[in-house]
N, C-alpha and C. Protein backbone atom coordinates (compact mmCIF):
# COMPACT_ATOMS: atom_id res chain seq x y z
N MET A 1 8.34 -18.46 0.76
CA MET A 1 9.49 -17.76 1.28
C MET A 1 10.00 -18.33 2.58
N SER A 2 9.56 -19.49 2.93
CA SER A 2 9.98 -20.05 4.20
C SER A 2 11.21 -20.93 4.08
N GLU A 3 11.67 -21.19 2.87
CA GLU A 3 12.83 -22.05 2.72
C GLU A 3 14.10 -21.31 3.15
N LYS A 4 15.11 -22.11 3.54
CA LYS A 4 16.37 -21.53 4.00
C LYS A 4 16.99 -20.73 2.86
N GLY A 5 17.46 -19.55 3.18
CA GLY A 5 18.10 -18.72 2.18
C GLY A 5 17.12 -17.96 1.30
N SER A 6 15.86 -17.93 1.67
CA SER A 6 14.87 -17.27 0.82
C SER A 6 15.14 -15.77 0.71
N PHE A 7 15.65 -15.14 1.76
CA PHE A 7 15.98 -13.73 1.68
C PHE A 7 17.07 -13.52 0.63
N GLU A 8 18.10 -14.32 0.72
CA GLU A 8 19.20 -14.20 -0.22
C GLU A 8 18.75 -14.47 -1.65
N ASN A 9 17.89 -15.48 -1.82
CA ASN A 9 17.37 -15.78 -3.15
C ASN A 9 16.53 -14.64 -3.69
N SER A 10 15.68 -14.07 -2.85
CA SER A 10 14.83 -12.95 -3.27
C SER A 10 15.67 -11.73 -3.60
N LEU A 11 16.69 -11.47 -2.80
CA LEU A 11 17.56 -10.33 -3.06
C LEU A 11 18.34 -10.51 -4.36
N LYS A 12 18.82 -11.73 -4.58
CA LYS A 12 19.55 -12.00 -5.83
C LYS A 12 18.63 -11.80 -7.03
N ARG A 13 17.39 -12.29 -6.94
CA ARG A 13 16.44 -12.14 -8.03
C ARG A 13 16.13 -10.66 -8.25
N LEU A 14 15.98 -9.91 -7.18
CA LEU A 14 15.72 -8.48 -7.29
C LEU A 14 16.88 -7.78 -8.00
N GLU A 15 18.10 -8.14 -7.68
CA GLU A 15 19.27 -7.55 -8.34
C GLU A 15 19.28 -7.90 -9.83
N GLU A 16 18.91 -9.14 -10.16
CA GLU A 16 18.85 -9.54 -11.57
C GLU A 16 17.81 -8.71 -12.33
N ILE A 17 16.67 -8.50 -11.70
CA ILE A 17 15.60 -7.72 -12.32
C ILE A 17 16.06 -6.28 -12.55
N VAL A 18 16.68 -5.69 -11.54
CA VAL A 18 17.16 -4.31 -11.66
C VAL A 18 18.18 -4.21 -12.79
N ASN A 19 19.13 -5.13 -12.84
CA ASN A 19 20.13 -5.10 -13.90
C ASN A 19 19.49 -5.22 -15.28
N LYS A 20 18.51 -6.11 -15.40
CA LYS A 20 17.82 -6.30 -16.67
C LYS A 20 17.09 -5.04 -17.09
N MET A 21 16.43 -4.41 -16.13
CA MET A 21 15.67 -3.20 -16.45
C MET A 21 16.58 -2.01 -16.73
N GLU A 22 17.74 -1.96 -16.09
CA GLU A 22 18.67 -0.86 -16.31
C GLU A 22 19.24 -0.86 -17.72
N GLN A 23 19.24 -2.01 -18.37
CA GLN A 23 19.74 -2.08 -19.75
C GLN A 23 18.85 -1.29 -20.69
N GLY A 24 17.57 -1.17 -20.33
CA GLY A 24 16.67 -0.29 -21.07
C GLY A 24 16.18 -0.79 -22.41
N ASP A 25 16.41 -2.06 -22.73
CA ASP A 25 15.99 -2.54 -24.05
C ASP A 25 14.84 -3.54 -23.98
N LEU A 26 14.08 -3.51 -22.88
CA LEU A 26 12.95 -4.42 -22.73
C LEU A 26 11.70 -3.83 -23.37
N PRO A 27 10.91 -4.67 -24.01
CA PRO A 27 9.61 -4.20 -24.47
C PRO A 27 8.77 -3.78 -23.26
N LEU A 28 7.83 -2.89 -23.48
CA LEU A 28 7.04 -2.33 -22.39
C LEU A 28 6.37 -3.40 -21.54
N GLU A 29 5.73 -4.38 -22.15
CA GLU A 29 5.03 -5.41 -21.38
C GLU A 29 6.00 -6.22 -20.51
N GLU A 30 7.17 -6.53 -21.04
CA GLU A 30 8.16 -7.28 -20.26
C GLU A 30 8.73 -6.42 -19.14
N ALA A 31 8.93 -5.13 -19.41
CA ALA A 31 9.42 -4.22 -18.38
C ALA A 31 8.41 -4.11 -17.24
N LEU A 32 7.13 -4.03 -17.58
CA LEU A 32 6.10 -3.95 -16.54
C LEU A 32 6.04 -5.23 -15.73
N ALA A 33 6.17 -6.39 -16.39
CA ALA A 33 6.18 -7.67 -15.68
C ALA A 33 7.39 -7.75 -14.74
N CYS A 34 8.54 -7.30 -15.22
CA CYS A 34 9.75 -7.30 -14.39
C CYS A 34 9.57 -6.37 -13.19
N PHE A 35 8.98 -5.20 -13.44
CA PHE A 35 8.76 -4.24 -12.36
C PHE A 35 7.85 -4.84 -11.30
N GLU A 36 6.78 -5.49 -11.74
CA GLU A 36 5.85 -6.11 -10.80
C GLU A 36 6.55 -7.20 -9.99
N GLU A 37 7.34 -8.03 -10.65
CA GLU A 37 8.08 -9.08 -9.93
C GLU A 37 9.07 -8.47 -8.95
N GLY A 38 9.71 -7.38 -9.35
CA GLY A 38 10.67 -6.70 -8.49
C GLY A 38 10.02 -6.12 -7.25
N VAL A 39 8.84 -5.54 -7.42
CA VAL A 39 8.11 -4.99 -6.28
C VAL A 39 7.75 -6.09 -5.30
N LYS A 40 7.31 -7.23 -5.81
CA LYS A 40 6.96 -8.37 -4.95
C LYS A 40 8.20 -8.90 -4.22
N ALA A 41 9.33 -8.99 -4.94
CA ALA A 41 10.57 -9.48 -4.32
C ALA A 41 11.04 -8.52 -3.24
N ALA A 42 10.95 -7.21 -3.51
CA ALA A 42 11.37 -6.21 -2.52
C ALA A 42 10.48 -6.28 -1.28
N ALA A 43 9.17 -6.42 -1.49
CA ALA A 43 8.25 -6.52 -0.35
C ALA A 43 8.54 -7.77 0.46
N GLY A 44 8.86 -8.87 -0.20
CA GLY A 44 9.20 -10.10 0.50
C GLY A 44 10.47 -9.94 1.33
N CYS A 45 11.46 -9.27 0.76
CA CYS A 45 12.71 -9.02 1.50
C CYS A 45 12.44 -8.15 2.72
N GLN A 46 11.64 -7.11 2.55
CA GLN A 46 11.33 -6.23 3.67
C GLN A 46 10.60 -6.98 4.77
N LYS A 47 9.69 -7.85 4.41
CA LYS A 47 8.95 -8.64 5.39
C LYS A 47 9.90 -9.54 6.18
N LEU A 48 10.80 -10.20 5.48
CA LEU A 48 11.75 -11.09 6.15
C LEU A 48 12.69 -10.30 7.06
N LEU A 49 13.10 -9.12 6.63
CA LEU A 49 13.95 -8.28 7.48
C LEU A 49 13.23 -7.82 8.73
N ARG A 50 11.95 -7.45 8.60
CA ARG A 50 11.17 -7.05 9.78
C ARG A 50 11.04 -8.21 10.76
N GLU A 51 10.79 -9.41 10.22
CA GLU A 51 10.67 -10.58 11.08
C GLU A 51 11.98 -10.87 11.81
N ALA A 52 13.10 -10.74 11.10
CA ALA A 52 14.40 -10.97 11.71
C ALA A 52 14.69 -9.93 12.78
N GLU A 53 14.32 -8.69 12.50
CA GLU A 53 14.56 -7.61 13.47
C GLU A 53 13.82 -7.87 14.77
N LEU A 54 12.61 -8.40 14.67
CA LEU A 54 11.82 -8.68 15.86
C LEU A 54 12.47 -9.75 16.73
N LYS A 55 13.27 -10.62 16.12
CA LYS A 55 13.91 -11.70 16.86
C LYS A 55 15.21 -11.27 17.54
N ILE A 56 15.75 -10.18 17.06
CA ILE A 56 17.04 -9.74 17.59
C ILE A 56 16.85 -9.10 18.96
N GLU A 57 17.68 -9.49 19.87
CA GLU A 57 17.68 -8.86 21.18
C GLU A 57 19.08 -8.33 21.46
N SER A 58 19.14 -7.23 22.12
CA SER A 58 20.45 -6.71 22.52
C SER A 58 20.62 -6.91 24.01
N LEU A 59 21.83 -7.10 24.40
CA LEU A 59 22.14 -7.27 25.82
C LEU A 59 22.80 -5.99 26.33
N ARG A 60 22.45 -5.61 27.50
CA ARG A 60 23.09 -4.44 28.11
C ARG A 60 23.27 -4.72 29.60
N LEU A 61 24.15 -3.98 30.22
CA LEU A 61 24.35 -4.08 31.67
C LEU A 61 23.46 -3.05 32.35
N ASP A 62 22.73 -3.48 33.35
CA ASP A 62 21.94 -2.52 34.12
C ASP A 62 22.83 -1.87 35.17
N ASN A 63 22.28 -1.02 36.00
CA ASN A 63 23.06 -0.30 37.01
C ASN A 63 23.73 -1.22 38.02
N GLY A 64 23.16 -2.41 38.23
CA GLY A 64 23.73 -3.36 39.17
C GLY A 64 24.75 -4.29 38.52
N GLY A 65 25.06 -4.09 37.25
CA GLY A 65 26.04 -4.91 36.56
C GLY A 65 25.47 -6.21 36.03
N GLU A 66 24.15 -6.36 36.05
CA GLU A 66 23.51 -7.58 35.55
C GLU A 66 23.18 -7.42 34.06
N LEU A 67 23.33 -8.52 33.32
CA LEU A 67 22.94 -8.51 31.91
C LEU A 67 21.42 -8.52 31.81
N VAL A 68 20.89 -7.64 30.96
CA VAL A 68 19.46 -7.52 30.76
C VAL A 68 19.17 -7.64 29.27
N LYS A 69 18.20 -8.49 28.92
CA LYS A 69 17.78 -8.58 27.52
C LYS A 69 16.71 -7.54 27.27
N GLU A 70 16.81 -6.88 26.12
CA GLU A 70 15.77 -5.94 25.74
C GLU A 70 15.52 -6.07 24.24
N PRO A 71 14.32 -5.74 23.80
CA PRO A 71 14.02 -5.85 22.37
C PRO A 71 14.92 -4.97 21.55
N PHE A 72 15.17 -5.37 20.34
CA PHE A 72 15.98 -4.59 19.42
C PHE A 72 15.27 -3.30 19.06
N THR A 73 16.01 -2.22 19.11
CA THR A 73 15.53 -0.94 18.58
C THR A 73 16.70 -0.30 17.86
N ASP A 74 16.41 0.64 17.01
CA ASP A 74 17.49 1.33 16.29
C ASP A 74 18.47 1.97 17.26
N SER A 75 17.99 2.43 18.42
CA SER A 75 18.87 3.06 19.39
C SER A 75 19.80 2.05 20.06
N SER A 76 19.45 0.74 19.96
CA SER A 76 20.31 -0.29 20.55
C SER A 76 21.66 -0.36 19.87
N VAL A 77 21.72 0.01 18.59
CA VAL A 77 22.97 -0.08 17.84
C VAL A 77 23.72 1.24 17.83
N ASP A 78 23.11 2.31 18.33
CA ASP A 78 23.77 3.60 18.34
C ASP A 78 24.92 3.65 19.32
N GLY A 79 24.82 2.90 20.39
CA GLY A 79 25.83 2.98 21.43
C GLY A 79 26.82 1.96 21.30
């Protein structure tokens, strides 16, 4: 999952799996295999998103008007 675009590739594959399973005409063994692959793809996407979130920093002005870097938190995007 370290190649460029791996998140996008994993997400696309996950969407393909969901679409295939939503059709409802898969034999049980194939449906279970698709489900397992989908769970792995979803976990991979979540891991990459967590890693990206850790890299994001938000900038804010302190009381003295200076720019301050702080780690990304959900509250950073609320304001």
